[in-house]
C-alpha atoms as a PDB file:
ATOM      1  CA  MET A   1       0.143  -0.073   0.142  1.00  0.00           C
ATOM      2  CA  ALA A   2       1.405   3.483  -0.799  1.00  0.00           C
ATOM      3  CA  ILE A   3      -0.411   6.539   0.782  1.00  0.00           C
ATOM      4  CA  ILE A   4       0.321   9.971  -1.176  1.00  0.00           C
ATOM      5  CA  GLU A   5      -0.426  13.549  -0.126  1.00  0.00           C
ATOM      6  CA  MET A   6      -0.999  15.656  -3.087  1.00  0.00           C
ATOM      7  CA  ALA A   7       0.011  18.654  -1.116  1.00  0.00           C
ATOM      8  CA  GLN A   8       3.481  17.526  -0.535  1.00  0.00           C
ATOM      9  CA  VAL A   9       3.717  17.047  -4.336  1.00  0.00           C
ATOM     10  CA  SER A  10       1.908  19.704  -6.186  1.00  0.00           C
ATOM     11  CA  GLY A  11       0.778  21.840  -3.141  1.00  0.00           C
ATOM     12  CA  LEU A  12       0.021  25.388  -2.920  1.00  0.00           C
ATOM     13  CA  ALA A  13       2.039  25.783   0.252  1.00  0.00           C
ATOM     14  CA  LEU A  14       5.337  25.029  -2.145  1.00  0.00           C
ATOM     15  CA  LEU A  15       4.842  28.350  -4.260  1.00  0.00           C
ATOM     16  CA  ARG A  16       5.866  31.699  -3.178  1.00  0.00           C
ATOM     17  CA  GLY A  17       2.883  34.257  -3.512  1.00  0.00           C
ATOM     18  CA  ASN A  18       3.919  35.356  -6.925  1.00  0.00           C
ATOM     19  CA  GLU A  19       4.216  32.084  -8.287  1.00  0.00           C
ATOM     20  CA  ARG A  20       0.602  30.915  -7.907  1.00  0.00           C
ATOM     21  CA  ASN A  21      -0.887  30.728 -11.439  1.00  0.00           C
ATOM     22  CA  PRO A  22      -3.392  27.614 -12.071  1.00  0.00           C
ATOM     23  CA  MET A  23      -3.095  28.458 -15.507  1.00  0.00           C
ATOM     24  CA  LEU A  24       0.322  27.119 -15.586  1.00  0.00           C
ATOM     25  CA  THR A  25       0.993  24.861 -12.874  1.00  0.00           C
ATOM     26  CA  SER A  26       0.004  20.885 -13.331  1.00  0.00           C
ATOM     27  CA  SER A  27      -0.076  17.793 -10.833  1.00  0.00           C
ATOM     28  CA  TYR A  28       2.260  16.074 -13.116  1.00  0.00           C
ATOM     29  CA  GLY A  29       4.359  15.392  -9.861  1.00  0.00           C
ATOM     30  CA  LEU A  30       1.587  13.721  -8.464  1.00  0.00           C
ATOM     31  CA  GLY A  31       1.577  11.265 -11.153  1.00  0.00           C
ATOM     32  CA  GLU A  32       5.103  10.519 -10.992  1.00  0.00           C
ATOM     33  CA  VAL A  33       5.004   9.738  -7.137  1.00  0.00           C
ATOM     34  CA  MET A  34       2.419   7.000  -8.433  1.00  0.00           C
ATOM     35  CA  LEU A  35       4.588   5.628 -11.024  1.00  0.00           C
ATOM     36  CA  ASN A  36       6.872   5.311  -8.138  1.00  0.00           C
ATOM     37  CA  ALA A  37       4.775   3.350  -6.015  1.00  0.00           C
ATOM     38  CA  LEU A  38       3.641   1.439  -8.993  1.00  0.00           C
ATOM     39  CA  ASP A  39       7.352   0.608  -9.153  1.00  0.00           C
ATOM     40  CA  ARG A  40       7.773  -0.299  -5.622  1.00  0.00           C
ATOM     41  CA  GLY A  41       5.111  -2.871  -6.121  1.00  0.00           C
ATOM     42  CA  ALA A  42       2.051  -1.068  -4.388  1.00  0.00           C
ATOM     43  CA  ARG A  43      -1.418  -2.350  -5.565  1.00  0.00           C
ATOM     44  CA  ARG A  44      -3.458   0.294  -3.390  1.00  0.00           C
ATOM     45  CA  ILE A  45      -2.616   3.662  -3.412  1.00  0.00           C
ATOM     46  CA  ILE A  46      -4.619   6.192  -1.068  1.00  0.00           C
ATOM     47  CA  LEU A  47      -4.286   9.696  -1.851  1.00  0.00           C
ATOM     48  CA  GLY A  48      -4.837  12.886  -0.163  1.00  0.00           C
ATOM     49  CA  ILE A  49      -5.470  15.339  -2.670  1.00  0.00           C
ATOM     50  CA  GLY A  50      -6.296  18.447  -0.480  1.00  0.00           C
ATOM     51  CA  GLY A  51      -4.384  21.817  -0.696  1.00  0.00           C
ATOM     52  CA  SER A  52      -3.394  21.467  -4.430  1.00  0.00           C
ATOM     53  CA  ALA A  53      -1.958  24.188  -6.509  1.00  0.00           C
ATOM     54  CA  THR A  54      -3.498  23.102  -9.689  1.00  0.00           C
ATOM     55  CA  ASN A  55      -6.485  23.289 -11.739  1.00  0.00           C
ATOM     56  CA  ASP A  56      -5.625  20.958 -14.943  1.00  0.00           C
ATOM     57  CA  CYS A  57      -8.434  18.357 -14.251  1.00  0.00           C
ATOM     58  CA  GLY A  58      -5.814  16.062 -13.376  1.00  0.00           C
ATOM     59  CA  MET A  59      -4.181  16.291 -17.107  1.00  0.00           C
ATOM     60  CA  GLY A  60      -0.262  16.559 -15.653  1.00  0.00           C
ATOM     61  CA  MET A  61      -1.075  13.595 -13.268  1.00  0.00           C
ATOM     62  CA  LEU A  62      -2.346  11.282 -16.530  1.00  0.00           C
ATOM     63  CA  SER A  63       0.442  12.513 -18.683  1.00  0.00           C
ATOM     64  CA  ALA A  64       3.042  11.578 -15.942  1.00  0.00           C
ATOM     65  CA  LEU A  65       0.990   7.686 -16.082  1.00  0.00           C
ATOM     66  CA  GLY A  66       0.910   7.427 -19.881  1.00  0.00           C
ATOM     67  CA  TYR A  67      -1.816   9.656 -21.167  1.00  0.00           C
ATOM     68  CA  MET A  68      -1.080  11.833 -24.277  1.00  0.00           C
ATOM     69  CA  PHE A  69      -3.248  14.603 -24.924  1.00  0.00           C
ATOM     70  CA  TYR A  70      -3.592  16.554 -28.448  1.00  0.00           C
ATOM     71  CA  ASP A  71      -5.253  19.760 -29.467  1.00  0.00           C
ATOM     72  CA  ALA A  72      -7.620  20.445 -32.261  1.00  0.00           C
ATOM     73  CA  GLU A  73      -4.658  20.420 -34.781  1.00  0.00           C
ATOM     74  CA  GLY A  74      -3.149  17.223 -33.538  1.00  0.00           C
ATOM     75  CA  GLU A  75       0.018  18.568 -31.597  1.00  0.00           C
ATOM     76  CA  VAL A  76       0.678  16.861 -28.502  1.00  0.00           C
ATOM     77  CA  LEU A  77      -0.221  19.143 -25.586  1.00  0.00           C
ATOM     78  CA  GLU A  78       2.166  19.760 -22.339  1.00  0.00           C
ATOM     79  CA  PRO A  79       0.154  19.623 -19.134  1.00  0.00           C
ATOM     80  CA  SER A  80      -0.878  22.946 -17.520  1.00  0.00           C
ATOM     81  CA  GLY A  81      -4.112  24.508 -16.896  1.00  0.00           C
ATOM     82  CA  GLU A  82      -3.868  26.835 -20.256  1.00  0.00           C
ATOM     83  CA  ALA A  83      -3.209  23.317 -21.868  1.00  0.00           C
ATOM     84  CA  MET A  84      -6.201  21.541 -20.651  1.00  0.00           C
ATOM     85  CA  CYS A  85      -8.601  24.432 -22.195  1.00  0.00           C
ATOM     86  CA  ARG A  86      -7.254  22.951 -25.738  1.00  0.00           C
ATOM     87  CA  VAL A  87      -7.560  19.348 -25.088  1.00  0.00           C
ATOM     88  CA  ALA A  88      -9.221  17.970 -28.285  1.00  0.00           C
ATOM     89  CA  SER A  89      -8.452  14.492 -27.847  1.00  0.00           C
ATOM     90  CA  ILE A  90      -6.945  11.725 -25.538  1.00  0.00           C
ATOM     91  CA  ASP A  91      -4.933   8.656 -26.229  1.00  0.00           C
ATOM     92  CA  SER A  92      -4.561   5.993 -23.956  1.00  0.00           C
ATOM     93  CA  SER A  93      -3.208   3.218 -25.770  1.00  0.00           C
ATOM     94  CA  VAL A  94       0.273   4.195 -23.802  1.00  0.00           C
ATOM     95  CA  ALA A  95      -1.274   4.436 -20.666  1.00  0.00           C
ATOM     96  CA  ASP A  96       0.719   2.718 -17.601  1.00  0.00           C
ATOM     97  CA  PRO A  97      -1.225  -1.131 -17.365  1.00  0.00           C
ATOM     98  CA  ARG A  98      -0.468  -1.476 -14.161  1.00  0.00           C
ATOM     99  CA  LEU A  99      -3.301   1.177 -13.354  1.00  0.00           C
ATOM    100  CA  CYS A 100      -6.068  -1.855 -14.040  1.00  0.00           C
ATOM    101  CA  GLU A 101      -4.238  -3.681 -11.372  1.00  0.00           C
ATOM    102  CA  CYS A 102      -4.865  -0.731  -8.553  1.00  0.00           C
ATOM    103  CA  GLU A 103      -7.392   0.134  -6.216  1.00  0.00           C
ATOM    104  CA  ILE A 104      -7.498   3.633  -5.737  1.00  0.00           C
ATOM    105  CA  VAL A 105      -8.907   5.420  -2.432  1.00  0.00           C
ATOM    106  CA  VAL A 106      -8.885   9.131  -2.575  1.00  0.00           C
ATOM    107  CA  ALA A 107      -9.434  11.197   0.990  1.00  0.00           C
ATOM    108  CA  SER A 108     -11.312  14.344   0.130  1.00  0.00           C
ATOM    109  CA  ASP A 109     -13.793  16.089   2.054  1.00  0.00           C
ATOM    110  CA  VAL A 110     -14.711  18.142  -0.958  1.00  0.00           C
ATOM    111  CA  ASP A 111     -18.371  17.528  -2.769  1.00  0.00           C
ATOM    112  CA  ASN A 112     -17.784  19.685  -5.627  1.00  0.00           C
ATOM    113  CA  PRO A 113     -18.593  18.965  -9.332  1.00  0.00           C
ATOM    114  CA  LEU A 114     -15.963  19.501 -11.677  1.00  0.00           C
ATOM    115  CA  TYR A 115     -17.206  22.887 -13.416  1.00  0.00           C
ATOM    116  CA  GLY A 116     -19.914  25.280 -12.988  1.00  0.00           C
ATOM    117  CA  LYS A 117     -20.396  27.744 -10.166  1.00  0.00           C
ATOM    118  CA  GLN A 118     -19.874  25.169  -7.742  1.00  0.00           C
ATOM    119  CA  GLY A 119     -17.292  23.704  -9.395  1.00  0.00           C
ATOM    120  CA  ALA A 120     -13.284  23.377  -9.344  1.00  0.00           C
ATOM    121  CA  ALA A 121     -12.583  26.921 -10.683  1.00  0.00           C
ATOM    122  CA  TRP A 122     -15.001  29.191  -9.258  1.00  0.00           C
ATOM    123  CA  VAL A 123     -14.778  27.585  -5.881  1.00  0.00           C
ATOM    124  CA  TYR A 124     -11.206  27.383  -5.383  1.00  0.00           C
ATOM    125  CA  ALA A 125      -8.925  28.504  -8.340  1.00  0.00           C
ATOM    126  CA  GLN A 126      -9.101  32.174  -6.986  1.00  0.00           C
ATOM    127  CA  GLN A 127      -6.802  31.196  -3.673  1.00  0.00           C
ATOM    128  CA  LYS A 128      -4.589  29.355  -6.176  1.00  0.00           C
ATOM    129  CA  GLY A 129      -3.832  32.691  -7.874  1.00  0.00           C
ATOM    130  CA  ALA A 130      -6.604  32.955 -10.855  1.00  0.00           C
ATOM    131  CA  THR A 131      -7.857  36.172 -11.915  1.00  0.00           C
ATOM    132  CA  HIS A 132     -11.603  36.691 -12.629  1.00  0.00           C
ATOM    133  CA  THR A 133     -10.895  36.026 -16.925  1.00  0.00           C
ATOM    134  CA  MET A 134      -8.715  32.885 -15.680  1.00  0.00           C
ATOM    135  CA  ILE A 135     -11.623  31.280 -13.708  1.00  0.00           C
ATOM    136  CA  ASP A 136     -14.140  31.580 -16.930  1.00  0.00           C
ATOM    137  CA  ALA A 137     -11.684  29.942 -18.911  1.00  0.00           C
ATOM    138  CA  LEU A 138     -10.414  27.095 -16.571  1.00  0.00           C
ATOM    139  CA  ASP A 139     -14.163  26.480 -16.124  1.00  0.00           C
ATOM    140  CA  GLU A 140     -15.013  26.659 -19.626  1.00  0.00           C
ATOM    141  CA  GLY A 141     -12.193  24.237 -20.267  1.00  0.00           C
ATOM    142  CA  MET A 142     -13.146  21.938 -17.843  1.00  0.00           C
ATOM    143  CA  ARG A 143     -16.364  21.516 -19.211  1.00  0.00           C
ATOM    144  CA  ARG A 144     -14.719  20.918 -23.033  1.00  0.00           C
ATOM    145  CA  PHE A 145     -12.421  18.173 -21.772  1.00  0.00           C
ATOM    146  CA  SER A 146     -15.073  16.528 -19.679  1.00  0.00           C
ATOM    147  CA  GLU A 147     -17.192  16.595 -23.242  1.00  0.00           C
ATOM    148  CA  VAL A 148     -13.938  14.789 -24.844  1.00  0.00           C
ATOM    149  CA  VAL A 149     -13.932  12.017 -22.053  1.00  0.00           C
ATOM    150  CA  GLY A 150     -17.344  11.624 -22.152  1.00  0.00           C
ATOM    151  CA  GLY A 151     -19.890  10.162 -19.354  1.00  0.00           C
ATOM    152  CA  GLU A 152     -21.179  11.844 -16.490  1.00  0.00           C
ATOM    153  CA  TYR A 153     -18.140  11.599 -14.290  1.00  0.00           C
ATOM    154  CA  HIS A 154     -18.119  15.365 -14.043  1.00  0.00           C
ATOM    155  CA  MET A 155     -20.910  15.313 -11.921  1.00  0.00           C
ATOM    156  CA  ALA A 156     -19.663  12.960  -9.423  1.00  0.00           C
ATOM    157  CA  ALA A 157     -19.322  14.282  -5.659  1.00  0.00           C
ATOM    158  CA  GLY A 158     -15.621  15.430  -5.187  1.00  0.00           C
ATOM    159  CA  ALA A 159     -14.999  15.679  -9.195  1.00  0.00           C
ATOM    160  CA  GLY A 160     -14.137  19.162  -8.640  1.00  0.00           C
ATOM    161  CA  ALA A 161     -11.284  18.479  -5.983  1.00  0.00           C
ATOM    162  CA  ALA A 162      -7.975  19.321  -6.281  1.00  0.00           C
ATOM    163  CA  GLY A 163      -8.633  21.596  -9.198  1.00  0.00           C
ATOM    164  CA  GLY A 164     -10.057  18.288 -10.869  1.00  0.00           C
ATOM    165  CA  VAL A 165      -7.934  15.781 -10.001  1.00  0.00           C
ATOM    166  CA  GLY A 166     -11.002  13.912  -8.408  1.00  0.00           C
ATOM    167  CA  TYR A 167     -12.701  13.908 -11.804  1.00  0.00           C
ATOM    168  CA  ALA A 168      -9.336  12.443 -13.473  1.00  0.00           C
ATOM    169  CA  LEU A 169      -9.091   9.720 -10.288  1.00  0.00           C
ATOM    170  CA  ILE A 170     -12.681   8.698 -10.881  1.00  0.00           C
ATOM    171  CA  ALA A 171     -12.980   8.772 -14.779  1.00  0.00           C
ATOM    172  CA  PHE A 172      -9.546   7.258 -15.804  1.00  0.00           C
ATOM    173  CA  CYS A 173      -8.412   5.175 -12.623  1.00  0.00           C
ATOM    174  CA  GLY A 174     -11.697   3.914 -11.375  1.00  0.00           C
ATOM    175  CA  ALA A 175     -10.703   5.569  -7.846  1.00  0.00           C
ATOM    176  CA  ARG A 176     -13.053   5.697  -5.107  1.00  0.00           C
ATOM    177  CA  LEU A 177     -13.893   8.886  -3.157  1.00  0.00           C
ATOM    178  CA  MET A 178     -14.343   9.166   0.729  1.00  0.00           C
ATOM    179  CA  PRO A 179     -14.364  11.519   3.022  1.00  0.00           C
ATOM    180  CA  GLY A 180     -10.849  11.908   4.970  1.00  0.00           C
ATOM    181  CA  ILE A 181     -11.815  10.904   8.103  1.00  0.00           C
ATOM    182  CA  GLU A 182     -14.027   7.701   7.266  1.00  0.00           C
ATOM    183  CA  LEU A 183     -11.203   6.673   5.179  1.00  0.00           C
ATOM    184  CA  ILE A 184      -8.774   6.927   8.279  1.00  0.00           C
ATOM    185  CA  LEU A 185     -11.076   5.411  10.801  1.00  0.00           C
ATOM    186  CA  ASP A 186     -11.225   2.439   8.135  1.00  0.00           C
ATOM    187  CA  ILE A 187      -7.357   2.160   7.778  1.00  0.00           C
ATOM    188  CA  VAL A 188      -6.768   2.289  11.639  1.00  0.00           C
ATOM    189  CA  GLN A 189      -9.613   0.055  12.151  1.00  0.00           C
ATOM    190  CA  PHE A 190     -11.366   1.903  14.915  1.00  0.00           C
ATOM    191  CA  ASP A 191     -14.382   0.090  14.977  1.00  0.00           C
ATOM    192  CA  LYS A 192     -12.445  -2.773  16.471  1.00  0.00           C
ATOM    193  CA  LEU A 193     -10.620  -0.350  18.852  1.00  0.00           C
ATOM    194  CA  LEU A 194     -13.889   0.933  20.272  1.00  0.00           C
ATOM    195  CA  ASP A 195     -14.322  -2.733  21.397  1.00  0.00           C
ATOM    196  CA  ARG A 196     -11.978  -2.014  24.009  1.00  0.00           C
ATOM    197  CA  CYS A 197     -13.395   1.669  25.005  1.00  0.00           C
ATOM    198  CA  ALA A 198     -15.231   2.985  27.996  1.00  0.00           C
ATOM    199  CA  LEU A 199     -14.424   6.760  26.557  1.00  0.00           C
ATOM    200  CA  VAL A 200     -12.951   8.205  23.429  1.00  0.00           C
ATOM    201  CA  VAL A 201     -11.233  11.304  23.481  1.00  0.00           C
ATOM    202  CA  THR A 202     -10.638  13.281  20.571  1.00  0.00           C
ATOM    203  CA  GLY A 203     -10.130  17.088  19.286  1.00  0.00           C
ATOM    204  CA  GLU A 204      -8.532  19.815  17.140  1.00  0.00           C
ATOM    205  CA  GLY A 205      -6.930  22.936  17.276  1.00  0.00           C
ATOM    206  CA  ARG A 206     -10.175  24.889  17.451  1.00  0.00           C
ATOM    207  CA  ILE A 207     -13.630  23.537  17.875  1.00  0.00           C
ATOM    208  CA  ASP A 208     -16.306  25.785  16.489  1.00  0.00           C
ATOM    209  CA  ARG A 209     -19.542  24.820  14.135  1.00  0.00           C
ATOM    210  CA  GLN A 210     -17.132  24.001  11.460  1.00  0.00           C
ATOM    211  CA  THR A 211     -16.053  21.257  13.317  1.00  0.00           C
ATOM    212  CA  LEU A 212     -19.466  19.366  12.797  1.00  0.00           C
ATOM    213  CA  MET A 213     -18.992  19.939   8.929  1.00  0.00           C
ATOM    214  CA  GLY A 214     -17.183  16.752   8.125  1.00  0.00           C
ATOM    215  CA  LYS A 215     -14.175  17.062  10.433  1.00  0.00           C
ATOM    216  CA  THR A 216     -12.223  14.639  12.752  1.00  0.00           C
ATOM    217  CA  PRO A 217     -13.851  14.870  15.795  1.00  0.00           C
ATOM    218  CA  ALA A 218     -17.621  14.858  14.288  1.00  0.00           C
ATOM    219  CA  GLY A 219     -16.589  11.446  12.429  1.00  0.00           C
ATOM    220  CA  VAL A 220     -15.068   9.798  15.176  1.00  0.00           C
ATOM    221  CA  LEU A 221     -18.625  11.003  17.300  1.00  0.00           C
ATOM    222  CA  ALA A 222     -20.485   9.661  14.174  1.00  0.00           C
ATOM    223  CA  TYR A 223     -18.723   6.096  14.766  1.00  0.00           C
ATOM    224  CA  ALA A 224     -18.597   5.798  18.479  1.00  0.00           C
ATOM    225  CA  GLU A 225     -22.078   6.906  18.991  1.00  0.00           C
ATOM    226  CA  ARG A 226     -23.378   4.139  16.871  1.00  0.00           C
ATOM    227  CA  ARG A 227     -21.559   1.709  19.324  1.00  0.00           C
ATOM    228  CA  GLY A 228     -22.867   3.738  22.381  1.00  0.00           C
ATOM    229  CA  VAL A 229     -19.291   4.618  23.295  1.00  0.00           C
ATOM    230  CA  PRO A 230     -19.410   8.430  24.929  1.00  0.00           C
ATOM    231  CA  VAL A 231     -17.010  11.119  23.313  1.00  0.00           C
ATOM    232  CA  ILE A 232     -15.277  14.034  25.051  1.00  0.00           C
ATOM    233  CA  ALA A 233     -13.956  16.555  22.565  1.00  0.00           C
ATOM    234  CA  LEU A 234     -10.956  18.636  23.712  1.00  0.00           C
ATOM    235  CA  GLY A 235     -10.122  22.030  21.568  1.00  0.00           C
ATOM    236  CA  GLY A 236      -6.872  24.548  21.936  1.00  0.00           C
ATOM    237  CA  SER A 237      -9.908  27.030  21.761  1.00  0.00           C
ATOM    238  CA  VAL A 238     -13.610  26.409  21.375  1.00  0.00           C
ATOM    239  CA  GLU A 239     -16.337  29.223  20.034  1.00  0.00           C
ATOM    240  CA  TRP A 240     -19.445  27.652  21.631  1.00  0.00           C
ATOM    241  CA  CYS A 241     -22.773  27.502  19.677  1.00  0.00           C
ATOM    242  CA  GLU A 242     -26.048  25.600  19.807  1.00  0.00           C
ATOM    243  CA  GLU A 243     -25.210  23.203  17.384  1.00  0.00           C
ATOM    244  CA  LEU A 244     -21.895  22.096  19.483  1.00  0.00           C
ATOM    245  CA  ARG A 245     -24.337  21.956  22.816  1.00  0.00           C
ATOM    246  CA  THR A 246     -26.746  19.813  21.281  1.00  0.00           C
ATOM    247  CA  SER A 247     -23.866  17.597  18.869  1.00  0.00           C
ATOM    248  CA  GLY A 248     -23.530  14.546  21.078  1.00  0.00           C
ATOM    249  CA  PHE A 249     -20.342  15.178  22.936  1.00  0.00           C
ATOM    250  CA  GLU A 250     -20.406  13.970  26.513  1.00  0.00           C
ATOM    251  CA  HIS A 251     -18.318  16.861  27.187  1.00  0.00           C
ATOM    252  CA  ILE A 252     -16.070  19.668  25.511  1.00  0.00           C
ATOM    253  CA  TYR A 253     -13.061  20.723  26.999  1.00  0.00           C
ATOM    254  CA  GLU A 254     -10.994  23.919  26.474  1.00  0.00           C
ATOM    255  CA  ALA A 255      -6.979  23.412  26.719  1.00  0.00           C
ATOM    256  CA  THR A 256      -5.925  27.135  26.642  1.00  0.00           C
ATOM    257  CA  PRO A 257      -6.404  29.060  29.865  1.00  0.00           C
ATOM    258  CA  GLU A 258      -8.733  31.774  29.951  1.00  0.00           C
ATOM    259  CA  GLY A 259      -6.641  34.952  29.210  1.00  0.00           C
ATOM    260  CA  MET A 260      -3.750  33.444  27.320  1.00  0.00           C
ATOM    261  CA  SER A 261      -2.501  34.655  24.108  1.00  0.00           C
ATOM    262  CA  LEU A 262      -2.862  32.619  21.057  1.00  0.00           C
ATOM    263  CA  VAL A 263       0.843  33.295  20.624  1.00  0.00           C
ATOM    264  CA  GLU A 264       1.686  31.723  23.511  1.00  0.00           C
ATOM    265  CA  ALA A 265      -0.583  29.164  23.690  1.00  0.00           C
ATOM    266  CA  MET A 266       0.979  27.762  20.196  1.00  0.00           C
ATOM    267  CA  GLN A 267       4.219  27.760  21.849  1.00  0.00           C
ATOM    268  CA  LYS A 268       5.154  24.076  22.042  1.00  0.00           C
ATOM    269  CA  ALA A 269       6.049  23.621  25.522  1.00  0.00           C
ATOM    270  CA  THR A 270       3.163  25.910  26.703  1.00  0.00           C
ATOM    271  CA  ALA A 271       0.820  24.131  24.692  1.00  0.00           C
ATOM    272  CA  GLN A 272       2.322  20.544  25.769  1.00  0.00           C
ATOM    273  CA  GLN A 273       1.596  22.047  29.056  1.00  0.00           C
ATOM    274  CA  ASN A 274      -1.938  23.122  28.409  1.00  0.00           C
ATOM    275  CA  ILE A 275      -2.808  19.630  26.869  1.00  0.00           C
ATOM    276  CA  CYS A 276      -1.518  17.492  30.160  1.00  0.00           C
ATOM    277  CA  HIS A 277      -3.353  19.690  32.405  1.00  0.00           C
ATOM    278  CA  ALA A 278      -6.571  19.479  30.088  1.00  0.00           C
ATOM    279  CA  ALA A 279      -6.176  15.540  30.254  1.00  0.00           C
ATOM    280  CA  MET A 280      -5.791  15.361  33.829  1.00  0.00           C
ATOM    281  CA  ARG A 281      -8.794  17.601  34.496  1.00  0.00           C
ATOM    282  CA  ILE A 282     -10.841  15.294  32.224  1.00  0.00           C
ATOM    283  CA  ALA A 283      -9.437  12.185  33.919  1.00  0.00           C
ATOM    284  CA  ARG A 284     -10.194  13.613  37.131  1.00  0.00           C
ATOM    285  CA  GLU A 285     -13.728  14.452  36.394  1.00  0.00           C
ATOM    286  CA  TRP A 286     -14.431  11.374  34.288  1.00  0.00           C
ATOM    287  CA  LEU A 287     -13.360   9.029  37.287  1.00  0.00           C
ATOM    288  CA  SER A 288     -14.975  10.876  39.770  1.00  0.00           C
ATOM    289  CA  LEU A 289     -18.165  10.398  37.705  1.00  0.00           C
ATOM    290  CA  HIS A 290     -17.892   6.583  36.927  1.00  0.00           C
ATOM    291  CA  SER A 291     -15.825   5.411  40.079  1.00  0.00           C
END
């Protein structure tokens, strides 16, 4: 099994601000890493595709895997967001045959379709450096690209993830997209771990309304609730709202003492101390109620 994180290969954080341009960037490096995994014998590939710097419909990744792309004049296209807009035909005859032997699972919390107002370009391309003119061009290019490919893959939930890499993985590689937390809990066999648990403690840096929108604590809570195991959440900070109060958590704790600045709380030694103190409080209160 190979586990690949796209953000470490074709990620936005790898670029300086003036380098961000989804008309120029491509997902080629992701395809190269997948090839390396195949060469090493991996036949189950798990991909995390958040944080990408690309909007090329997966053209770069597919190029690295052997697919050939041509414009209307029959000229070979080198992968990029701009080139994706000019794809007129695709040759799969020399694509790596080992892809047919693979199970590819994609971790993505994005459910956007490929194109349209809720699609990859309109929702995410601006943060990757696109102007409004670029967004229009990329969105239209993705629509045309999907027409060349055929089928209804563009409507699949998550097709718009990573600038269309989700689409390419579904349409060309038969990949299965899963919410990230569901995938991780499946890998660690969380259901089996719950067999030995009287209590689950989960958490994240900041617990607020968004916590319940598919983030780790919400996923852990959903699994544990089905098994009747109580869940306590611990956050570096907590922004209370009605949704949290009725969410089902047994209790929600805040690790950072009142009045401590974020800068101080983010210091490693301070954060460790705060978590230790919060853990002792959780243990003390839990044992007092269940001893």
